[in-house]
Amino acid sequence: MKIGLLFGSFNPIHIGHLIIANTFAENSNLEQVWFVVSPHNPKKDLNTLLHAHDRYDMVEKAIYNNNKLRACDVEFHLPRPSYTVDTLRVLREKYPQHTFNLILGGDNLTNLTKWKNYEEILEHHQVLVYPRPSASPSILDTHPQIQKIDAPLLDISATYIRDLIQQQKSIQYLVPDEIATYIRVKKFYF
């Protein structure tokens, strides 16, 4: 199976994540897209993150009715902070029958050369890149393992959503209704 991997903190998962994942699942040669929930992205402050299992549960709730999307907790069992190259290595070993492609926003492609062992990522995986409004050109734009995929331009951030929650403002339409309800019931981000 050809699988796209969308890595993230998903703190919380929002409509932008879902639109990108569904766009790739429906409009590319991928058979599934997995949301790889990162317990601790090395570039994020651990103090701002909900517990990894709560974020994983929100991903599962958001995608429950789409069999082309799946939540993945592989990084829960790896040393922290997690590095993409290590996660990809584990996935290749655990699921040799699958081909894994990395899904990145154009803004992350610009920084890919700063990632741990990025050359190994490009050696073993195709990188599918969707546009981001703030993306600058990358020296990797013409690399043979990089494929640009047309997708809606969205500029929604989990930080913005958390700020709205703390201000007790509506997050309707930014997250699925069941996620907004879950956040409210669990009192997340207040």
C-alpha atoms as a PDB file:
ATOM      1  CA  MET A   1       0.000   0.000   0.000  1.00  0.00           C
ATOM      2  CA  LYS A   2       1.217   3.513  -0.781  1.00  0.00           C
ATOM      3  CA  ILE A   3       0.799   5.662   2.328  1.00  0.00           C
ATOM      4  CA  GLY A   4       1.254   9.369   2.895  1.00  0.00           C
ATOM      5  CA  LEU A   5       2.501  10.443   6.301  1.00  0.00           C
ATOM      6  CA  LEU A   6       1.353  13.750   7.738  1.00  0.00           C
ATOM      7  CA  PHE A   7       3.404  14.435  10.864  1.00  0.00           C
ATOM      8  CA  GLY A   8       2.309  16.905  13.485  1.00  0.00           C
ATOM      9  CA  SER A   9       1.523  17.762  17.041  1.00  0.00           C
ATOM     10  CA  PHE A  10      -2.162  18.184  16.142  1.00  0.00           C
ATOM     11  CA  ASN A  11      -2.583  20.421  19.169  1.00  0.00           C
ATOM     12  CA  PRO A  12      -5.498  20.427  18.284  1.00  0.00           C
ATOM     13  CA  ILE A  13      -6.211  18.809  14.925  1.00  0.00           C
ATOM     14  CA  HIS A  14      -8.077  21.325  12.784  1.00  0.00           C
ATOM     15  CA  ILE A  15      -9.893  21.636   9.501  1.00  0.00           C
ATOM     16  CA  GLY A  16      -6.673  22.609   7.679  1.00  0.00           C
ATOM     17  CA  HIS A  17      -5.031  19.299   8.609  1.00  0.00           C
ATOM     18  CA  LEU A  18      -8.129  17.395   7.535  1.00  0.00           C
ATOM     19  CA  ILE A  19      -8.481  19.193   4.206  1.00  0.00           C
ATOM     20  CA  ILE A  20      -4.828  18.571   3.322  1.00  0.00           C
ATOM     21  CA  ALA A  21      -4.996  14.882   4.314  1.00  0.00           C
ATOM     22  CA  ASN A  22      -8.243  14.321   2.436  1.00  0.00           C
ATOM     23  CA  THR A  23      -6.938  16.174  -0.633  1.00  0.00           C
ATOM     24  CA  PHE A  24      -3.931  13.833  -0.751  1.00  0.00           C
ATOM     25  CA  ALA A  25      -6.047  10.738  -0.055  1.00  0.00           C
ATOM     26  CA  GLU A  26      -8.506  11.584  -2.841  1.00  0.00           C
ATOM     27  CA  ASN A  27      -6.358  13.359  -5.450  1.00  0.00           C
ATOM     28  CA  SER A  28      -3.036  11.544  -5.535  1.00  0.00           C
ATOM     29  CA  ASN A  29      -1.812   7.988  -5.960  1.00  0.00           C
ATOM     30  CA  LEU A  30      -1.797   7.469  -2.177  1.00  0.00           C
ATOM     31  CA  GLU A  31      -4.094   4.781  -0.828  1.00  0.00           C
ATOM     32  CA  GLN A  32      -4.151   6.139   2.729  1.00  0.00           C
ATOM     33  CA  VAL A  33      -2.892   9.103   4.711  1.00  0.00           C
ATOM     34  CA  TRP A  34      -1.685   8.501   8.265  1.00  0.00           C
ATOM     35  CA  PHE A  35      -1.636  11.283  10.846  1.00  0.00           C
ATOM     36  CA  VAL A  36       1.604  10.627  12.747  1.00  0.00           C
ATOM     37  CA  VAL A  37       0.984  12.216  16.138  1.00  0.00           C
ATOM     38  CA  SER A  38       4.275  13.503  17.527  1.00  0.00           C
ATOM     39  CA  PRO A  39       4.502  13.383  21.331  1.00  0.00           C
ATOM     40  CA  HIS A  40       7.267  15.990  21.232  1.00  0.00           C
ATOM     41  CA  ASN A  41       8.398  17.754  18.102  1.00  0.00           C
ATOM     42  CA  PRO A  42      11.951  18.978  18.856  1.00  0.00           C
ATOM     43  CA  LYS A  43      10.974  22.438  17.575  1.00  0.00           C
ATOM     44  CA  LYS A  44       7.985  22.831  19.906  1.00  0.00           C
ATOM     45  CA  ASP A  45       7.763  23.709  23.583  1.00  0.00           C
ATOM     46  CA  LEU A  46       6.603  20.614  25.464  1.00  0.00           C
ATOM     47  CA  ASN A  47       4.768  22.818  27.986  1.00  0.00           C
ATOM     48  CA  THR A  48       2.291  24.002  25.335  1.00  0.00           C
ATOM     49  CA  LEU A  49       1.263  20.484  24.279  1.00  0.00           C
ATOM     50  CA  LEU A  50      -1.677  18.481  25.539  1.00  0.00           C
ATOM     51  CA  HIS A  51      -0.772  14.942  26.524  1.00  0.00           C
ATOM     52  CA  ALA A  52       0.024  12.899  23.408  1.00  0.00           C
ATOM     53  CA  HIS A  53      -2.820  10.444  24.032  1.00  0.00           C
ATOM     54  CA  ASP A  54      -5.362  13.282  24.195  1.00  0.00           C
ATOM     55  CA  ARG A  55      -4.115  14.643  20.859  1.00  0.00           C
ATOM     56  CA  TYR A  56      -4.186  11.140  19.364  1.00  0.00           C
ATOM     57  CA  ASP A  57      -7.779  10.685  20.585  1.00  0.00           C
ATOM     58  CA  MET A  58      -8.774  13.963  18.917  1.00  0.00           C
ATOM     59  CA  VAL A  59      -7.236  12.800  15.618  1.00  0.00           C
ATOM     60  CA  GLU A  60      -9.164   9.530  15.835  1.00  0.00           C
ATOM     61  CA  LYS A  61     -12.411  11.375  16.591  1.00  0.00           C
ATOM     62  CA  ALA A  62     -11.862  13.754  13.676  1.00  0.00           C
ATOM     63  CA  ILE A  63     -11.302  10.987  11.092  1.00  0.00           C
ATOM     64  CA  TYR A  64     -13.564   8.189  12.397  1.00  0.00           C
ATOM     65  CA  ASN A  65     -15.733   8.126   9.275  1.00  0.00           C
ATOM     66  CA  ASN A  66     -12.989   8.169   6.620  1.00  0.00           C
ATOM     67  CA  ASN A  67     -11.309   4.823   5.886  1.00  0.00           C
ATOM     68  CA  LYS A  68      -8.575   6.531   3.853  1.00  0.00           C
ATOM     69  CA  LEU A  69      -7.309   8.383   6.928  1.00  0.00           C
ATOM     70  CA  ARG A  70      -5.694   6.786   9.968  1.00  0.00           C
ATOM     71  CA  ALA A  71      -4.120   7.917  13.245  1.00  0.00           C
ATOM     72  CA  CYS A  72      -0.620   6.594  13.933  1.00  0.00           C
ATOM     73  CA  ASP A  73       1.058   6.470  17.351  1.00  0.00           C
ATOM     74  CA  VAL A  74       4.426   5.039  16.253  1.00  0.00           C
ATOM     75  CA  GLU A  75       6.330   7.952  17.821  1.00  0.00           C
ATOM     76  CA  PHE A  76       4.801   7.187  21.243  1.00  0.00           C
ATOM     77  CA  HIS A  77       7.184   4.232  21.422  1.00  0.00           C
ATOM     78  CA  LEU A  78      10.341   6.052  20.289  1.00  0.00           C
ATOM     79  CA  PRO A  79      12.897   8.141  22.197  1.00  0.00           C
ATOM     80  CA  ARG A  80      11.975  11.792  22.613  1.00  0.00           C
ATOM     81  CA  PRO A  81      12.196  14.192  21.048  1.00  0.00           C
ATOM     82  CA  SER A  82      11.206  12.371  17.865  1.00  0.00           C
ATOM     83  CA  TYR A  83      13.032  12.895  14.603  1.00  0.00           C
ATOM     84  CA  THR A  84      11.300  12.159  11.306  1.00  0.00           C
ATOM     85  CA  VAL A  85      14.206  10.159   9.910  1.00  0.00           C
ATOM     86  CA  ASP A  86      14.068   7.762  12.880  1.00  0.00           C
ATOM     87  CA  THR A  87      10.302   7.374  12.646  1.00  0.00           C
ATOM     88  CA  LEU A  88      10.517   6.626   8.931  1.00  0.00           C
ATOM     89  CA  ARG A  89      13.176   4.002   9.591  1.00  0.00           C
ATOM     90  CA  VAL A  90      10.934   2.286  12.162  1.00  0.00           C
ATOM     91  CA  LEU A  91       7.927   2.380   9.835  1.00  0.00           C
ATOM     92  CA  ARG A  92       9.938   0.831   6.971  1.00  0.00           C
ATOM     93  CA  GLU A  93      11.032  -1.990   9.299  1.00  0.00           C
ATOM     94  CA  LYS A  94       7.597  -2.526  10.856  1.00  0.00           C
ATOM     95  CA  TYR A  95       5.632  -2.355   7.583  1.00  0.00           C
ATOM     96  CA  PRO A  96       7.923  -3.547   4.772  1.00  0.00           C
ATOM     97  CA  GLN A  97       4.871  -4.189   2.586  1.00  0.00           C
ATOM     98  CA  HIS A  98       4.062  -0.441   2.463  1.00  0.00           C
ATOM     99  CA  THR A  99       5.673   2.468   0.668  1.00  0.00           C
ATOM    100  CA  PHE A 100       5.755   5.626   2.760  1.00  0.00           C
ATOM    101  CA  ASN A 101       5.693   9.155   1.371  1.00  0.00           C
ATOM    102  CA  LEU A 102       6.231  12.229   3.480  1.00  0.00           C
ATOM    103  CA  ILE A 103       3.630  15.012   3.168  1.00  0.00           C
ATOM    104  CA  LEU A 104       5.014  18.480   3.865  1.00  0.00           C
ATOM    105  CA  GLY A 105       3.896  22.053   3.552  1.00  0.00           C
ATOM    106  CA  GLY A 106       6.015  24.235   1.309  1.00  0.00           C
ATOM    107  CA  ASP A 107       7.227  26.139   4.385  1.00  0.00           C
ATOM    108  CA  ASN A 108       8.718  22.922   5.816  1.00  0.00           C
ATOM    109  CA  LEU A 109      10.397  22.051   2.524  1.00  0.00           C
ATOM    110  CA  THR A 110      12.399  25.255   2.868  1.00  0.00           C
ATOM    111  CA  ASN A 111      13.824  23.946   6.167  1.00  0.00           C
ATOM    112  CA  LEU A 112      14.165  20.265   5.232  1.00  0.00           C
ATOM    113  CA  THR A 113      17.945  20.579   4.760  1.00  0.00           C
ATOM    114  CA  LYS A 114      18.173  21.457   8.482  1.00  0.00           C
ATOM    115  CA  TRP A 115      16.433  18.246   9.571  1.00  0.00           C
ATOM    116  CA  LYS A 116      18.385  15.379  11.087  1.00  0.00           C
ATOM    117  CA  ASN A 117      19.736  13.167   8.266  1.00  0.00           C
ATOM    118  CA  TYR A 118      17.478  14.739   5.656  1.00  0.00           C
ATOM    119  CA  GLU A 119      19.517  13.003   2.930  1.00  0.00           C
ATOM    120  CA  GLU A 120      18.339   9.616   4.244  1.00  0.00           C
ATOM    121  CA  ILE A 121      14.731  10.808   4.061  1.00  0.00           C
ATOM    122  CA  LEU A 122      15.190  11.769   0.413  1.00  0.00           C
ATOM    123  CA  GLU A 123      17.015   8.541  -0.354  1.00  0.00           C
ATOM    124  CA  HIS A 124      14.121   6.335   0.806  1.00  0.00           C
ATOM    125  CA  HIS A 125      10.989   8.464   0.500  1.00  0.00           C
ATOM    126  CA  GLN A 126       9.209  10.670  -1.940  1.00  0.00           C
ATOM    127  CA  VAL A 127       8.246  14.004  -0.417  1.00  0.00           C
ATOM    128  CA  LEU A 128       4.858  15.347  -1.471  1.00  0.00           C
ATOM    129  CA  VAL A 129       4.642  19.101  -0.965  1.00  0.00           C
ATOM    130  CA  TYR A 130       1.499  21.197  -0.704  1.00  0.00           C
ATOM    131  CA  PRO A 131       1.534  25.004  -1.031  1.00  0.00           C
ATOM    132  CA  ARG A 132       1.645  27.263   2.005  1.00  0.00           C
ATOM    133  CA  PRO A 133       1.039  31.018   1.838  1.00  0.00           C
ATOM    134  CA  SER A 134       4.260  31.834   3.712  1.00  0.00           C
ATOM    135  CA  ALA A 135       6.557  29.403   1.839  1.00  0.00           C
ATOM    136  CA  SER A 136       9.807  30.627   0.319  1.00  0.00           C
ATOM    137  CA  PRO A 137      11.531  28.850  -2.554  1.00  0.00           C
ATOM    138  CA  SER A 138      13.687  25.885  -1.506  1.00  0.00           C
ATOM    139  CA  ILE A 139      16.959  24.579  -2.923  1.00  0.00           C
ATOM    140  CA  LEU A 140      15.159  21.216  -2.977  1.00  0.00           C
ATOM    141  CA  ASP A 141      12.353  22.386  -5.286  1.00  0.00           C
ATOM    142  CA  THR A 142      13.837  20.498  -8.246  1.00  0.00           C
ATOM    143  CA  HIS A 143      15.052  17.420  -6.353  1.00  0.00           C
ATOM    144  CA  PRO A 144      13.778  14.218  -8.051  1.00  0.00           C
ATOM    145  CA  GLN A 145      12.186  12.981  -4.785  1.00  0.00           C
ATOM    146  CA  ILE A 146      10.159  16.181  -4.376  1.00  0.00           C
ATOM    147  CA  GLN A 147       6.715  16.324  -5.951  1.00  0.00           C
ATOM    148  CA  LYS A 148       4.521  19.404  -5.685  1.00  0.00           C
ATOM    149  CA  ILE A 149       0.817  18.641  -5.269  1.00  0.00           C
ATOM    150  CA  ASP A 150      -1.901  21.207  -5.784  1.00  0.00           C
ATOM    151  CA  ALA A 151      -3.985  21.637  -2.651  1.00  0.00           C
ATOM    152  CA  PRO A 152      -6.077  24.417  -1.132  1.00  0.00           C
ATOM    153  CA  LEU A 153      -4.081  27.286   0.364  1.00  0.00           C
ATOM    154  CA  LEU A 154      -4.928  27.368   4.046  1.00  0.00           C
ATOM    155  CA  ASP A 155      -3.430  29.479   6.774  1.00  0.00           C
ATOM    156  CA  ILE A 156      -5.013  28.030   9.911  1.00  0.00           C
ATOM    157  CA  SER A 157      -2.867  27.367  12.942  1.00  0.00           C
ATOM    158  CA  ALA A 158      -3.416  25.381  16.114  1.00  0.00           C
ATOM    159  CA  THR A 159      -1.865  28.316  18.003  1.00  0.00           C
ATOM    160  CA  TYR A 160      -4.613  30.610  16.720  1.00  0.00           C
ATOM    161  CA  ILE A 161      -7.259  28.077  17.757  1.00  0.00           C
ATOM    162  CA  ARG A 162      -5.762  27.695  21.252  1.00  0.00           C
ATOM    163  CA  ASP A 163      -5.693  31.497  21.603  1.00  0.00           C
ATOM    164  CA  LEU A 164      -9.381  31.698  20.691  1.00  0.00           C
ATOM    165  CA  ILE A 165     -10.216  29.011  23.256  1.00  0.00           C
ATOM    166  CA  GLN A 166      -8.311  30.863  25.976  1.00  0.00           C
ATOM    167  CA  GLN A 167     -10.225  34.024  25.058  1.00  0.00           C
ATOM    168  CA  GLN A 168     -13.468  32.006  25.260  1.00  0.00           C
ATOM    169  CA  LYS A 169     -14.254  32.729  21.615  1.00  0.00           C
ATOM    170  CA  SER A 170     -15.800  30.377  19.083  1.00  0.00           C
ATOM    171  CA  ILE A 171     -13.693  27.848  17.191  1.00  0.00           C
ATOM    172  CA  GLN A 172     -16.654  26.775  15.056  1.00  0.00           C
ATOM    173  CA  TYR A 173     -15.611  25.845  11.494  1.00  0.00           C
ATOM    174  CA  LEU A 174     -11.921  25.777  12.481  1.00  0.00           C
ATOM    175  CA  VAL A 175     -12.225  22.286  13.964  1.00  0.00           C
ATOM    176  CA  PRO A 176     -14.849  19.582  13.399  1.00  0.00           C
ATOM    177  CA  ASP A 177     -17.881  19.965  15.681  1.00  0.00           C
ATOM    178  CA  GLU A 178     -17.044  16.782  17.619  1.00  0.00           C
ATOM    179  CA  ILE A 179     -13.553  18.156  18.341  1.00  0.00           C
ATOM    180  CA  ALA A 180     -14.934  21.486  19.557  1.00  0.00           C
ATOM    181  CA  THR A 181     -17.296  19.584  21.865  1.00  0.00           C
ATOM    182  CA  TYR A 182     -14.498  17.289  23.090  1.00  0.00           C
ATOM    183  CA  ILE A 183     -12.239  20.272  23.840  1.00  0.00           C
ATOM    184  CA  ARG A 184     -15.036  22.007  25.741  1.00  0.00           C
ATOM    185  CA  VAL A 185     -16.041  18.903  27.751  1.00  0.00           C
ATOM    186  CA  LYS A 186     -12.419  18.040  28.620  1.00  0.00           C
ATOM    187  CA  LYS A 187     -11.621  21.725  29.312  1.00  0.00           C
ATOM    188  CA  PHE A 188      -8.549  21.573  27.084  1.00  0.00           C
ATOM    189  CA  TYR A 189      -6.543  24.769  26.521  1.00  0.00           C
ATOM    190  CA  PHE A 190      -8.464  26.818  29.103  1.00  0.00           C
END
